[in-house]
Amino acid sequence: MSVAHVKAGSPVRGRRAEGMGLPGIEDELRKQNDRFSAAVENMSHGLCMFDADERMIICNGNYISIFGLNAEIVQPGIRFFDILQHSVDIGVASHSAEELYAIRKPYIDRAKPSTYEETLSDGRIINISHRPLASGGWVSIYEDITEQRRAEQELKEQHRRFDAALANMSQGLLMYDADGRLIVRNERFLELYHVTPADFPLGMSHRDALEQLARLGIYAEIDIDGEISKTAACLQAGEMRSTYRHLADGRTLLVVRQPMSGGGWVATFDDVTERRRVEERMTHLAHHDTLTNLPNRSMFRERLDQALGEATDLAIFSLDLDRFKAVNDTWGHPAGDWLLKCVAERLQRCLRNETDVVARFGGDEFVIIQFNPKGAGDAEKLAKRIVDIIGKPFRDKSRDMHVGISVGIALSPDDGRDADTLLKNADMALYRAKSEGRNVYRFFEPGMDAMVRARRALETDLEAALRRREFELDFQPIMNIASGEIVGAEALMRWHSPARGLVPPDDFIPVAEEIGLIVPLGEWALRKACTVAAGWPHGLRIAVNVSA
């Protein structure tokens, strides 16, 4: 609506009226009214002015719009109470006219500026500012602050959620502004470091925080200047930075620094002590034998490949226990496990220094790397020491366990320049050692390859022989010397191989023992001997030698 004109005859301020005729004064007054109307109408807020009799003098369009009033009703001269009644009639007011008047009357009567808020029926919030006029009456400014209050409420809710999140985080948190000053700190941070809020007040710098951690003895060692420069470099690049911090009490914390878009950064602190222990344990288990805690095949191969890459002279020892199966069969697997752990300890004591490596490949197989031996003589000294120490009895629970060890040795670079060749040649030397009586050591020789192939072919034929029924029993009479009578017979096993002919027992019995075939061979021999003896005259005995 258009703003009502100021009453005629009002003095024109800022200009002198003397010397002007009535037409000039009226013209000047009209111009001032136009300027005043334009200013009031273009205000961003609603405005309404009342005289001492509580009648409206002027109002602007925003006032009418805010309350949704009828511009034809709300005209200059209308009483303030009637405007309130009109707002009630159109449903915009949330109270009766009398209640609204009672609420506003104290503010109107005050002789000083005042401000209050009114909530309309549609939920909008209007901020009303009263300013008294010197001539009586007042002017009110109306501002719709609904969105502002909603934004403030949302911000308050965000702060509440933020505080709740900080309080319930499993991680400690520090937030720094763009100047590197601490602006947020949660309770979990204080708990993790066993410190108080006074130790880390808001406003302290990043350097102050690091120096405080060092001063309190929480960080045993820390390069403060280096830490600050690294953090600054990552933040400048917009990159996250993670570091593990080892505390003086033995715990490990993961510290992650994340830059913020508006400058500054957030640092989180997570106690990863148990996780790191599990990870380290898993890494250890992936590279070590669970029974003896020696390096396993995987770790041994890594060390061997590394050493060969450095062109280091090496001696590779392939070791296999003798008579270990007898221990397992006699005393049980727990005793066998105990023996393997004892063997591992003795082998470690045999080594010259911490550089040499002993590993367990599985079962009763061990392997050693001897670094920088002074020729074959050094390797031979170690081999003799191993054979001698392992050959001594192992005492457990008042019982002695006796085993031996066979050793095959390959030298680098003479016997091979890569891991596969060296291990294969050490195994060939081990085959030779076992075939020559056991509890001995042998160095690799080029001709051993043919011998190993022959040995493996013998093992293959032997495994098939029982299935093909190539074994027979010969019976050697047992005579009573005093009477000259035959009292029984001893069963002797013979192997008639289609390819090898008659194979002597001394050639295949030791091999059968090593490859685990001796037990089924013994069972076959017993059954066969008993079947044959069943047809003998009464009183004759049968003897069968069975390997343990």
Protein backbone atom coordinates (compact mmCIF):
# COMPACT_ATOMS: atom_id res chain seq x y z
CA MET A 1 0.00 0.00 0.00
CA SER A 2 1.13 3.55 -0.44
CA VAL A 3 2.51 5.29 2.61
CA ALA A 4 0.18 7.88 4.11
CA HIS A 5 1.29 11.47 3.80
CA VAL A 6 2.59 13.34 6.78
CA LYS A 7 0.03 15.81 8.13
CA ALA A 8 0.06 19.19 6.40
CA GLY A 9 1.86 21.90 8.29
CA SER A 10 4.64 19.69 9.62
CA PRO A 11 7.94 21.57 9.64
CA VAL A 12 10.42 20.74 6.89
CA ARG A 13 13.76 19.92 8.47
CA GLY A 14 17.06 20.74 6.93
CA ARG A 15 15.68 23.63 4.88
CA ARG A 16 14.64 27.11 6.02
CA ALA A 17 10.98 27.99 5.32
CA GLU A 18 11.50 31.72 5.73
CA GLY A 19 11.10 33.64 2.54
CA MET A 20 9.00 30.93 0.90
CA GLY A 21 5.41 31.42 0.02
CA LEU A 22 2.68 28.93 0.81
CA PRO A 23 2.88 27.23 -2.61
CA GLY A 24 6.66 26.75 -2.17
CA ILE A 25 6.26 25.28 1.26
CA GLU A 26 3.59 22.88 0.09
CA ASP A 27 5.74 21.85 -2.85
CA GLU A 28 8.72 21.21 -0.62
CA LEU A 29 6.56 19.28 1.82
CA ARG A 30 5.22 17.11 -1.00
CA LYS A 31 8.75 16.31 -2.15
CA GLN A 32 9.79 15.34 1.35
CA ASN A 33 6.75 13.10 1.69
CA ASP A 34 7.60 11.41 -1.58
CA ARG A 35 11.17 10.78 -0.47
CA PHE A 36 10.01 9.51 2.92
CA SER A 37 7.41 7.24 1.31
CA ALA A 38 9.99 5.80 -1.06
CA ALA A 39 12.41 5.10 1.81
CA VAL A 40 9.79 3.47 3.99
CA GLU A 41 8.32 1.41 1.17
CA ASN A 42 11.69 0.06 0.15
CA MET A 43 12.65 -1.11 3.61
CA SER A 44 13.39 -4.84 3.86
CA HIS A 45 11.39 -5.00 7.10
CA GLY A 46 7.83 -4.13 7.96
CA LEU A 47 7.21 -0.71 9.55
CA CYS A 48 4.19 0.76 11.29
CA MET A 49 3.95 4.09 13.14
CA PHE A 50 1.34 4.98 15.75
CA ASP A 51 0.51 8.26 17.46
CA ALA A 52 -0.08 8.88 21.15
CA ASP A 53 -3.71 7.82 20.76
CA GLU A 54 -2.57 4.39 19.43
CA ARG A 55 -3.82 5.17 15.95
CA MET A 56 -1.78 4.22 12.93
CA ILE A 57 0.01 7.03 11.13
CA ILE A 58 1.78 5.10 8.41
CA CYS A 59 2.79 1.55 7.47
CA ASN A 60 4.64 0.00 4.54
CA GLY A 61 3.84 -2.85 2.22
CA ASN A 62 6.13 -5.30 4.01
CA TYR A 63 4.11 -4.84 7.22
CA ILE A 64 0.90 -5.70 5.36
CA SER A 65 2.63 -8.67 3.65
CA ILE A 66 4.18 -10.14 6.82
CA PHE A 67 0.83 -10.40 8.59
CA GLY A 68 -1.30 -10.93 5.47
CA LEU A 69 -3.49 -7.94 6.39
CA ASN A 70 -6.16 -6.34 4.18
CA ALA A 71 -4.73 -3.04 2.93
CA GLU A 72 -8.22 -1.57 2.54
CA ILE A 73 -8.91 -2.12 6.24
CA VAL A 74 -5.51 -1.19 7.61
CA GLN A 75 -5.52 2.51 6.74
CA PRO A 76 -4.06 5.54 8.54
CA GLY A 77 -6.18 6.34 11.60
CA ILE A 78 -7.11 2.72 12.41
CA ARG A 79 -6.65 1.86 16.07
CA PHE A 80 -3.84 -0.49 17.10
CA PHE A 81 -6.35 -2.81 18.85
CA ASP A 82 -8.41 -3.02 15.69
CA ILE A 83 -5.36 -4.13 13.71
CA LEU A 84 -4.85 -6.89 16.27
CA GLN A 85 -8.50 -7.88 15.98
CA HIS A 86 -8.17 -7.94 12.19
CA SER A 87 -5.16 -10.30 12.47
CA VAL A 88 -7.27 -12.57 14.67
CA ASP A 89 -10.18 -12.44 12.24
CA ILE A 90 -8.03 -13.54 9.27
CA GLY A 91 -6.47 -16.37 11.32
CA VAL A 92 -2.88 -15.18 11.36
CA ALA A 93 -2.70 -14.45 15.08
CA SER A 94 -2.09 -17.22 17.57
CA HIS A 95 -3.90 -15.44 20.43
CA SER A 96 -7.03 -13.35 20.89
CA ALA A 97 -6.88 -9.58 20.33
CA GLU A 98 -7.14 -8.99 24.07
CA GLU A 99 -4.29 -11.37 24.81
CA LEU A 100 -2.13 -9.85 22.07
CA TYR A 101 -2.84 -6.35 23.37
CA ALA A 102 -2.01 -7.39 26.92
CA ILE A 103 1.29 -8.83 25.69
CA ARG A 104 2.27 -5.74 23.70
CA LYS A 105 0.92 -3.02 26.02
CA PRO A 106 3.86 -3.17 28.46
CA TYR A 107 6.33 -2.70 25.61
CA ILE A 108 4.28 0.24 24.22
CA ASP A 109 4.11 1.95 27.60
CA ARG A 110 7.84 1.78 28.16
CA ALA A 111 9.67 4.98 27.41
CA LYS A 112 12.65 3.12 25.97
CA PRO A 113 13.28 0.85 22.99
CA SER A 114 12.30 -2.81 23.44
CA THR A 115 12.24 -5.97 21.37
CA TYR A 116 10.25 -9.19 21.61
CA GLU A 117 9.19 -12.07 19.38
CA GLU A 118 5.74 -13.26 18.38
CA THR A 119 4.88 -16.62 16.88
CA LEU A 120 2.05 -16.57 14.34
CA SER A 121 -0.52 -19.30 13.86
CA ASP A 122 1.34 -20.69 10.83
CA GLY A 123 4.51 -21.12 12.89
CA ARG A 124 6.37 -18.09 11.57
CA ILE A 125 8.39 -16.10 14.08
CA ILE A 126 8.25 -12.27 13.89
CA ASN A 127 10.76 -10.09 15.67
CA ILE A 128 9.11 -6.82 16.79
CA SER A 129 11.16 -3.77 17.81
CA HIS A 130 9.42 -0.84 19.51
CA ARG A 131 10.91 2.66 19.42
CA PRO A 132 9.10 5.47 21.31
CA LEU A 133 8.51 8.82 19.56
CA ALA A 134 9.30 12.11 21.28
CA SER A 135 5.84 13.46 20.43
CA GLY A 136 4.16 10.35 21.85
CA GLY A 137 3.29 7.13 20.15
CA TRP A 138 5.80 4.72 18.73
CA VAL A 139 7.22 3.13 15.65
CA SER A 140 7.50 -0.66 15.28
CA ILE A 141 9.81 -2.61 13.00
CA TYR A 142 8.73 -6.15 12.05
CA GLU A 143 11.15 -8.80 10.76
CA ASP A 144 10.32 -12.37 9.77
CA ILE A 145 13.12 -14.34 11.47
CA THR A 146 11.62 -17.79 10.89
CA GLU A 147 14.45 -19.00 8.65
CA GLN A 148 17.03 -17.46 10.92
CA ARG A 149 15.61 -19.28 13.94
CA ARG A 150 15.37 -22.51 11.96
CA ALA A 151 19.01 -22.15 10.91
CA GLU A 152 19.99 -21.39 14.50
CA GLN A 153 18.08 -24.44 15.69
CA GLU A 154 19.70 -26.63 13.04
CA LEU A 155 23.08 -25.26 14.03
CA LYS A 156 22.30 -25.95 17.67
CA GLU A 157 21.23 -29.48 16.77
CA GLN A 158 24.39 -29.97 14.76
CA HIS A 159 26.42 -28.81 17.74
CA ARG A 160 24.52 -31.24 19.96
CA ARG A 161 25.15 -34.10 17.55
CA PHE A 162 28.76 -33.07 17.16
CA ASP A 163 29.23 -32.99 20.93
CA ALA A 164 27.49 -36.36 21.27
CA ALA A 165 29.68 -37.84 18.53
CA LEU A 166 32.83 -36.47 20.15
CA ALA A 167 31.80 -37.80 23.55
CA ASN A 168 31.04 -41.28 22.20
CA MET A 169 33.94 -41.70 19.78
CA SER A 170 36.20 -44.67 20.34
CA GLN A 171 39.04 -42.52 19.03
CA GLY A 172 40.65 -39.49 20.59
CA LEU A 173 40.29 -36.28 18.54
CA LEU A 174 42.02 -32.93 18.31
CA MET A 175 40.99 -30.24 15.83
CA TYR A 176 43.28 -27.37 14.84
CA ASP A 177 42.31 -24.21 12.98
CA ALA A 178 44.15 -22.72 10.02
CA ASP A 179 46.61 -21.02 12.43
CA GLY A 180 47.46 -24.33 14.06
CA ARG A 181 45.57 -23.58 17.27
CA LEU A 182 43.62 -26.24 19.14
CA ILE A 183 39.87 -25.56 18.85
CA VAL A 184 38.28 -28.96 19.67
CA ARG A 185 39.37 -31.76 22.02
CA ASN A 186 37.28 -34.74 23.07
CA GLU A 187 37.24 -36.72 26.30
CA ARG A 188 38.58 -39.87 24.65
CA PHE A 189 41.85 -38.09 23.82
CA LEU A 190 42.32 -37.26 27.51
CA GLU A 191 41.55 -40.88 28.46
CA LEU A 192 43.96 -42.34 25.91
CA TYR A 193 46.87 -40.19 27.11
CA HIS A 194 45.86 -40.16 30.81
CA VAL A 195 45.91 -36.35 30.90
CA THR A 196 43.57 -33.58 32.09
CA PRO A 197 41.89 -30.71 30.21
CA ALA A 198 44.32 -28.34 31.92
CA ASP A 199 47.21 -30.20 30.27
CA PHE A 200 45.78 -29.49 26.81
CA PRO A 201 43.80 -26.22 26.94
CA LEU A 202 42.02 -24.93 23.85
CA GLY A 203 44.09 -22.37 22.01
CA MET A 204 47.43 -24.15 22.45
CA SER A 205 49.53 -24.61 19.31
CA HIS A 206 50.48 -27.87 17.62
CA ARG A 207 54.04 -27.43 18.87
CA ASP A 208 52.79 -26.79 22.40
CA ALA A 209 50.81 -30.05 22.29
CA LEU A 210 53.80 -32.11 21.11
CA GLU A 211 56.10 -30.52 23.67
CA GLN A 212 53.55 -31.22 26.40
CA LEU A 213 53.36 -34.91 25.42
CA ALA A 214 57.15 -35.13 25.57
CA ARG A 215 57.32 -33.19 28.85
CA LEU A 216 54.78 -35.49 30.49
CA GLY A 217 56.86 -38.51 29.46
CA ILE A 218 54.08 -39.91 27.27
CA TYR A 219 56.23 -39.89 24.12
CA ALA A 220 59.61 -41.32 25.00
CA GLU A 221 61.18 -40.01 21.81
CA ILE A 222 59.80 -37.61 19.24
CA ASP A 223 61.36 -35.23 16.70
CA ILE A 224 59.08 -32.25 17.28
CA ASP A 225 60.53 -30.07 14.49
CA GLY A 226 60.40 -32.96 12.03
CA GLU A 227 56.85 -33.83 13.06
CA ILE A 228 55.65 -30.26 12.56
CA SER A 229 57.32 -29.90 9.16
CA LYS A 230 55.97 -33.24 7.91
CA THR A 231 52.45 -32.40 9.05
CA ALA A 232 52.65 -28.98 7.40
CA ALA A 233 53.90 -30.48 4.12
CA CYS A 234 51.04 -33.02 4.01
CA LEU A 235 48.44 -30.39 4.85
CA GLN A 236 49.77 -28.08 2.17
CA ALA A 237 49.50 -30.93 -0.34
CA GLY A 238 45.99 -31.76 0.91
CA GLU A 239 47.07 -35.26 1.88
CA MET A 240 46.21 -37.41 4.86
CA ARG A 241 49.13 -38.49 7.07
CA SER A 242 49.21 -41.55 9.34
CA THR A 243 51.87 -42.51 11.87
CA TYR A 244 52.22 -45.07 14.64
CA ARG A 245 53.16 -43.61 18.02
CA HIS A 246 54.79 -45.91 20.56
CA LEU A 247 54.05 -44.67 24.06
CA ALA A 248 56.32 -45.01 27.06
CA ASP A 249 53.84 -47.40 28.71
CA GLY A 250 54.16 -49.86 25.82
CA ARG A 251 50.93 -49.02 23.99
CA THR A 252 50.78 -48.14 20.30
CA LEU A 253 48.50 -45.41 18.94
CA LEU A 254 47.64 -44.76 15.30
CA VAL A 255 47.58 -41.00 14.68
CA VAL A 256 45.80 -39.86 11.49
CA ARG A 257 45.85 -36.22 10.37
CA GLN A 258 43.20 -35.15 7.86
CA PRO A 259 43.19 -31.62 6.35
CA MET A 260 39.94 -29.65 6.46
CA SER A 261 38.61 -27.76 3.44
CA GLY A 262 38.49 -24.43 5.25
CA GLY A 263 42.01 -24.73 6.63
CA GLY A 264 43.33 -26.51 9.67
CA TRP A 265 43.15 -30.22 10.28
CA VAL A 266 41.69 -33.01 12.42
CA ALA A 267 43.91 -35.51 14.21
CA THR A 268 42.44 -38.79 15.46
CA PHE A 269 44.11 -41.14 17.93
CA ASP A 270 43.30 -44.83 18.02
CA ASP A 271 44.72 -47.40 20.44
CA VAL A 272 45.85 -50.19 18.10
CA THR A 273 48.05 -52.01 20.60
CA GLU A 274 46.15 -55.31 20.44
CA ARG A 275 45.60 -55.05 16.69
CA ARG A 276 49.32 -54.50 16.12
CA ARG A 277 50.14 -57.46 18.36
CA VAL A 278 47.76 -59.66 16.38
CA GLU A 279 49.20 -58.40 13.09
CA GLU A 280 52.75 -59.00 14.30
CA ARG A 281 51.74 -62.46 15.53
CA MET A 282 50.14 -63.28 12.20
CA THR A 283 53.20 -62.04 10.35
CA HIS A 284 55.40 -64.11 12.65
CA LEU A 285 53.26 -67.21 12.12
CA ALA A 286 53.37 -66.71 8.36
CA HIS A 287 57.18 -66.91 8.49
CA HIS A 288 57.84 -69.29 11.38
CA ASP A 289 57.18 -72.90 12.27
CA THR A 290 54.50 -73.09 14.97
CA LEU A 291 56.11 -75.99 16.83
CA THR A 292 59.76 -74.94 17.02
CA ASN A 293 59.42 -71.19 16.31
CA LEU A 294 62.17 -71.58 13.71
CA PRO A 295 61.86 -69.82 10.35
CA ASN A 296 59.68 -71.84 7.98
CA ARG A 297 60.24 -72.68 4.32
CA SER A 298 58.86 -69.32 3.14
CA MET A 299 61.11 -67.20 5.35
CA PHE A 300 64.11 -69.42 4.70
CA ARG A 301 63.62 -68.98 0.96
CA GLU A 302 63.42 -65.20 1.34
CA ARG A 303 66.70 -65.13 3.29
CA LEU A 304 68.37 -67.45 0.81
CA ASP A 305 67.25 -65.42 -2.22
CA GLN A 306 68.41 -62.23 -0.51
CA ALA A 307 71.81 -63.69 0.29
CA LEU A 308 72.26 -64.99 -3.27
CA GLY A 309 71.32 -61.55 -4.60
CA GLU A 310 74.18 -60.09 -2.57
CA ALA A 311 76.63 -62.58 -4.14
CA THR A 312 77.53 -63.99 -0.71
CA ASP A 313 79.35 -67.31 -0.35
CA LEU A 314 77.06 -69.83 1.34
CA ALA A 315 76.88 -73.38 2.59
CA ILE A 316 73.45 -75.03 2.51
CA PHE A 317 72.84 -77.92 4.91
CA SER A 318 69.93 -80.32 4.37
CA LEU A 319 69.26 -82.27 7.57
CA ASP A 320 67.05 -85.26 8.34
CA LEU A 321 66.72 -87.04 11.66
CA ASP A 322 67.52 -90.75 11.85
CA ARG A 323 65.25 -93.08 13.83
CA PHE A 324 62.73 -90.28 14.49
CA LYS A 325 59.85 -92.50 13.37
CA ALA A 326 60.81 -95.02 16.03
CA VAL A 327 60.46 -92.32 18.70
CA ASN A 328 57.00 -91.39 17.45
CA ASP A 329 55.89 -95.02 17.28
CA THR A 330 57.34 -95.90 20.69
CA TRP A 331 56.58 -92.83 22.80
CA GLY A 332 53.78 -91.14 20.85
CA HIS A 333 53.47 -87.87 18.96
CA PRO A 334 53.72 -85.58 22.04
CA ALA A 335 57.13 -87.07 22.74
CA GLY A 336 58.04 -86.61 19.06
CA ASP A 337 57.02 -82.94 19.21
CA TRP A 338 59.08 -82.42 22.35
CA LEU A 339 62.07 -84.04 20.65
CA LEU A 340 61.73 -81.78 17.59
CA LYS A 341 61.76 -78.68 19.79
CA CYS A 342 64.88 -79.95 21.57
CA VAL A 343 66.57 -80.66 18.24
CA ALA A 344 65.72 -77.12 17.08
CA GLU A 345 67.33 -75.65 20.21
CA ARG A 346 70.48 -77.75 19.78
CA LEU A 347 70.77 -76.80 16.12
CA GLN A 348 70.55 -73.12 17.01
CA ARG A 349 73.35 -73.56 19.55
CA CYS A 350 75.47 -75.16 16.84
CA LEU A 351 75.46 -72.01 14.69
CA ARG A 352 78.44 -69.68 14.80
CA ASN A 353 76.48 -66.44 15.10
CA GLU A 354 73.05 -64.84 14.69
CA THR A 355 73.63 -64.37 10.96
CA ASP A 356 73.41 -68.09 10.16
CA VAL A 357 69.87 -69.41 9.77
CA VAL A 358 68.29 -72.71 10.74
CA ALA A 359 64.75 -73.46 9.50
CA ARG A 360 62.30 -76.32 9.76
CA PHE A 361 60.71 -77.43 6.49
CA GLY A 362 58.32 -79.89 8.14
CA GLY A 363 58.39 -83.29 9.83
CA ASP A 364 61.96 -84.01 10.87
CA GLU A 365 63.51 -81.98 8.02
CA PHE A 366 65.71 -78.99 8.86
CA VAL A 367 67.81 -76.69 6.68
CA ILE A 368 70.69 -74.36 7.56
CA ILE A 369 72.32 -71.43 5.76
CA GLN A 370 75.90 -70.82 6.78
CA PHE A 371 77.04 -67.38 5.64
CA ASN A 372 80.56 -66.74 4.34
CA PRO A 373 82.17 -70.09 5.22
CA LYS A 374 85.91 -70.21 4.78
CA GLY A 375 85.77 -72.99 2.25
CA ALA A 376 84.55 -76.55 2.77
CA GLY A 377 86.51 -76.77 6.02
CA ASP A 378 84.19 -74.38 7.84
CA ALA A 379 81.14 -76.24 6.56
CA GLU A 380 82.63 -79.55 7.63
CA LYS A 381 83.27 -78.25 11.16
CA LEU A 382 79.64 -77.25 11.48
CA ALA A 383 78.46 -80.59 10.08
CA LYS A 384 80.60 -82.52 12.59
CA ARG A 385 79.31 -80.35 15.43
CA ILE A 386 75.71 -81.00 14.38
CA VAL A 387 76.17 -84.79 14.08
CA ASP A 388 77.92 -84.91 17.46
CA ILE A 389 75.41 -82.77 19.39
CA ILE A 390 72.25 -84.34 17.91
CA GLY A 391 73.69 -87.82 18.51
CA LYS A 392 73.71 -87.26 22.28
CA PRO A 393 70.70 -88.66 24.19
CA PHE A 394 67.62 -86.49 24.78
CA ARG A 395 66.35 -87.05 28.31
CA ASP A 396 62.66 -86.53 29.06
CA LYS A 397 60.75 -87.79 32.11
CA SER A 398 63.46 -90.24 33.15
CA ARG A 399 63.68 -91.73 29.66
CA ASP A 400 66.39 -91.35 27.07
CA MET A 401 65.56 -90.83 23.41
CA HIS A 402 68.26 -91.64 20.87
CA VAL A 403 68.23 -90.24 17.36
CA GLY A 404 70.88 -89.39 14.85
CA ILE A 405 71.02 -86.93 11.99
CA SER A 406 72.14 -87.17 8.39
CA VAL A 407 73.51 -84.07 6.70
CA GLY A 408 73.85 -83.11 3.04
CA ILE A 409 75.93 -80.04 2.13
CA ALA A 410 75.99 -77.88 -1.01
CA LEU A 411 78.35 -74.91 -1.42
CA SER A 412 77.63 -71.70 -3.28
CA PRO A 413 78.70 -70.78 -5.88
CA ASP A 414 80.47 -74.08 -6.76
CA ASP A 415 77.37 -76.29 -6.37
CA GLY A 416 74.84 -73.78 -7.63
CA ARG A 417 74.08 -70.08 -8.01
CA ASP A 418 70.33 -70.15 -7.41
CA ALA A 419 68.19 -71.35 -4.52
CA ASP A 420 66.50 -74.26 -6.31
CA THR A 421 69.78 -75.75 -7.50
CA LEU A 422 71.48 -75.41 -4.11
CA LEU A 423 68.57 -76.98 -2.23
CA LYS A 424 68.29 -79.81 -4.74
CA ASN A 425 72.01 -80.56 -4.54
CA ALA A 426 71.99 -80.44 -0.72
CA ASP A 427 69.12 -82.97 -0.80
CA MET A 428 71.15 -85.23 -3.11
CA ALA A 429 74.04 -85.12 -0.67
CA LEU A 430 71.57 -85.97 2.11
CA TYR A 431 70.38 -89.03 0.15
CA ARG A 432 73.98 -90.18 -0.11
CA ALA A 433 74.52 -89.70 3.64
CA LYS A 434 71.41 -91.71 4.54
CA SER A 435 72.28 -94.47 2.12
CA GLU A 436 75.78 -94.79 3.56
CA GLY A 437 74.82 -95.62 7.10
CA ARG A 438 73.18 -92.49 8.50
CA ASN A 439 74.37 -90.17 11.26
CA VAL A 440 76.96 -88.92 8.79
CA TYR A 441 77.44 -85.89 6.53
CA ARG A 442 78.26 -85.76 2.85
CA PHE A 443 79.14 -82.94 0.46
CA PHE A 444 77.44 -82.74 -2.90
CA GLU A 445 79.28 -84.35 -5.81
CA PRO A 446 78.25 -84.07 -9.48
CA GLY A 447 77.73 -87.85 -9.81
CA MET A 448 75.12 -87.87 -7.07
CA ASP A 449 72.38 -86.91 -9.49
CA ALA A 450 72.40 -90.34 -11.09
CA MET A 451 72.47 -92.00 -7.68
CA VAL A 452 69.45 -89.99 -6.50
CA ARG A 453 67.51 -90.83 -9.62
CA ALA A 454 68.33 -94.52 -9.05
CA ARG A 455 67.23 -94.24 -5.40
CA ARG A 456 63.93 -92.62 -6.35
CA ALA A 457 63.32 -95.27 -8.99
CA LEU A 458 63.96 -97.95 -6.34
CA GLU A 459 61.41 -96.27 -4.03
CA THR A 460 58.83 -96.21 -6.82
CA ASP A 461 59.37 -99.88 -7.71
CA LEU A 462 59.30 -100.87 -4.05
CA GLU A 463 55.95 -99.15 -3.45
CA ALA A 464 54.47 -101.01 -6.42
CA ALA A 465 56.03 -104.38 -5.53
CA LEU A 466 53.73 -105.15 -2.60
CA ARG A 467 50.67 -104.34 -4.68
CA ARG A 468 51.95 -106.60 -7.46
CA ARG A 469 52.79 -109.44 -5.04
CA GLU A 470 56.44 -109.54 -6.01
CA PHE A 471 57.59 -110.56 -2.50
CA GLU A 472 58.16 -114.14 -1.39
CA LEU A 473 59.26 -115.88 1.79
CA ASP A 474 62.09 -118.40 1.98
CA PHE A 475 62.24 -120.59 5.08
CA GLN A 476 65.60 -121.36 6.63
CA PRO A 477 65.49 -124.44 8.94
CA ILE A 478 66.23 -124.02 12.65
CA MET A 479 68.05 -127.05 14.07
CA ASN A 480 68.47 -128.23 17.62
CA ILE A 481 72.24 -128.75 17.79
CA ALA A 482 72.05 -131.26 20.63
CA SER A 483 69.58 -133.58 18.98
CA GLY A 484 70.21 -132.71 15.34
CA GLU A 485 66.48 -132.36 14.80
CA ILE A 486 64.77 -129.56 12.89
CA VAL A 487 62.55 -127.70 15.35
CA GLY A 488 61.28 -124.90 13.14
CA ALA A 489 62.16 -122.38 10.45
CA GLU A 490 62.95 -118.65 10.05
CA ALA A 491 61.04 -116.73 7.38
CA LEU A 492 63.28 -114.66 5.09
CA MET A 493 61.77 -112.06 2.73
CA ARG A 494 62.79 -112.04 -0.91
CA TRP A 495 61.91 -109.50 -3.59
CA HIS A 496 61.69 -110.87 -7.11
CA SER A 497 61.46 -107.76 -9.28
CA PRO A 498 60.61 -108.31 -12.97
CA ALA A 499 62.96 -105.45 -13.87
CA ARG A 500 65.67 -105.85 -11.20
CA GLY A 501 65.69 -109.57 -10.64
CA LEU A 502 66.33 -110.81 -7.12
CA VAL A 503 66.90 -107.75 -4.88
CA PRO A 504 68.87 -108.45 -1.66
CA PRO A 505 67.10 -107.50 1.60
CA ASP A 506 69.97 -105.21 2.54
CA ASP A 507 69.13 -103.10 -0.55
CA PHE A 508 65.40 -102.67 -0.03
CA ILE A 509 64.70 -103.09 3.71
CA PRO A 510 66.37 -99.74 4.75
CA VAL A 511 64.54 -97.98 1.95
CA ALA A 512 61.23 -99.53 3.00
CA GLU A 513 61.82 -98.25 6.54
CA GLU A 514 62.51 -94.69 5.32
CA ILE A 515 59.46 -94.45 3.06
CA GLY A 516 57.10 -95.99 5.62
CA LEU A 517 56.56 -99.29 3.77
CA ILE A 518 58.14 -101.52 6.37
CA VAL A 519 54.96 -101.91 8.49
CA PRO A 520 52.70 -103.20 5.67
CA LEU A 521 55.58 -105.45 4.52
CA GLY A 522 55.90 -106.88 8.04
CA GLU A 523 52.14 -107.47 8.26
CA TRP A 524 52.21 -109.33 4.92
CA ALA A 525 55.17 -111.45 6.04
CA LEU A 526 53.42 -112.45 9.30
CA ARG A 527 50.22 -113.47 7.56
CA LYS A 528 52.10 -115.39 4.87
CA ALA A 529 54.39 -117.17 7.36
CA CYS A 530 51.49 -118.19 9.59
CA THR A 531 49.53 -119.51 6.61
CA VAL A 532 52.48 -121.68 5.50
CA ALA A 533 53.31 -122.88 9.06
CA ALA A 534 49.72 -123.99 9.55
CA GLY A 535 50.44 -126.94 7.21
CA TRP A 536 53.61 -128.07 9.02
CA PRO A 537 53.84 -131.05 11.40
CA HIS A 538 52.86 -130.34 15.00
CA GLY A 539 55.63 -128.92 17.14
CA LEU A 540 57.51 -126.98 14.50
CA ARG A 541 57.98 -123.27 15.25
CA ILE A 542 58.06 -120.28 12.88
CA ALA A 543 60.25 -117.16 13.39
CA VAL A 544 59.62 -113.85 11.61
CA ASN A 545 61.84 -110.77 12.04
CA VAL A 546 59.66 -107.65 12.13
CA SER A 547 61.07 -104.13 12.00
CA ALA A 548 59.91 -101.62 14.62
